[in-house]
Protein backbone atom coordinates (compact mmCIF):
# COMPACT_ATOMS: atom_id res chain seq x y z
CA MET A 1 -191.57 113.25 148.48
CA ILE A 2 -191.80 109.51 148.97
CA SER A 3 -189.24 107.36 147.18
CA TYR A 4 -189.56 103.60 146.71
CA GLU A 5 -185.84 103.21 146.02
CA PRO A 6 -185.34 101.14 149.21
CA LEU A 7 -187.91 98.63 147.90
CA TRP A 8 -185.83 97.84 144.84
CA THR A 9 -182.73 97.40 147.00
CA THR A 10 -184.66 95.13 149.36
CA LEU A 11 -185.89 93.01 146.45
CA ILE A 12 -182.32 92.59 145.19
CA GLU A 13 -181.08 91.64 148.67
CA LYS A 14 -183.85 89.03 148.96
CA ASN A 15 -183.18 87.77 145.42
CA LEU A 16 -186.70 88.70 144.28
CA SER A 17 -188.06 90.54 141.26
CA THR A 18 -191.15 92.48 140.33
CA TYR A 19 -192.34 89.24 138.69
CA ASP A 20 -192.27 87.64 142.14
CA LEU A 21 -194.27 90.53 143.61
CA ILE A 22 -196.94 90.20 140.95
CA TYR A 23 -197.22 86.49 140.21
CA LYS A 24 -196.02 84.83 143.41
CA MET A 25 -197.06 87.32 146.11
CA GLY A 26 -200.26 88.57 144.50
CA PHE A 27 -199.59 92.30 144.14
CA SER A 28 -201.24 93.92 141.15
CA ALA A 29 -199.17 94.94 138.17
CA ASN A 30 -200.70 98.41 138.51
CA THR A 31 -199.37 98.70 142.08
CA VAL A 32 -195.86 97.75 140.96
CA TYR A 33 -196.14 100.19 138.04
CA ARG A 34 -197.20 103.00 140.39
CA MET A 35 -194.24 102.36 142.69
CA LYS A 36 -191.79 102.19 139.78
CA HIS A 37 -192.98 105.60 138.67
CA GLY A 38 -193.01 107.19 142.13
CA LYS A 39 -196.78 107.47 142.37
CA ASN A 40 -198.90 107.06 145.49
CA VAL A 41 -199.94 103.70 146.91
CA THR A 42 -202.06 103.06 149.97
CA THR A 43 -200.72 102.47 153.44
CA LYS A 44 -202.49 99.10 153.29
CA THR A 45 -200.31 98.18 150.30
CA LEU A 46 -197.19 99.25 152.18
CA ASP A 47 -198.29 97.15 155.16
CA GLU A 48 -198.86 94.13 152.89
CA LEU A 49 -195.42 94.61 151.32
CA CYS A 50 -193.78 94.71 154.74
CA TYR A 51 -195.57 91.50 155.70
CA ALA A 52 -194.79 89.71 152.41
CA LEU A 53 -191.12 90.73 152.45
CA ASN A 54 -190.72 90.34 156.21
CA CYS A 55 -189.20 93.79 156.54
CA SER A 56 -189.87 97.21 158.05
CA ILE A 57 -191.32 100.26 156.33
CA SER A 58 -187.87 101.84 156.08
CA ASP A 59 -186.87 98.92 153.84
CA ILE A 60 -189.58 99.96 151.38
CA VAL A 61 -189.94 103.74 151.41
CA LEU A 62 -187.80 106.79 152.01
CA HIS A 63 -189.01 110.32 152.63
CA GLU A 64 -186.99 112.88 150.69
CA LYS A 65 -187.31 116.60 151.26
CA GLU A 66 -187.93 118.41 148.01
């Protein structure tokens, strides 16, 4: 299972919020909603997040064995 828990930690470390993701960085509210609720997003979205936050994929997602 994919967890987006590292994303929320990364946002806190960079002093950013979901508001910043949506209104300043241009991510859709639906994308943020899907990540908050552990739903799937595209690899393109993950790539764009890495670029926007200047971080690696491990700073955004975590694979957890069920």
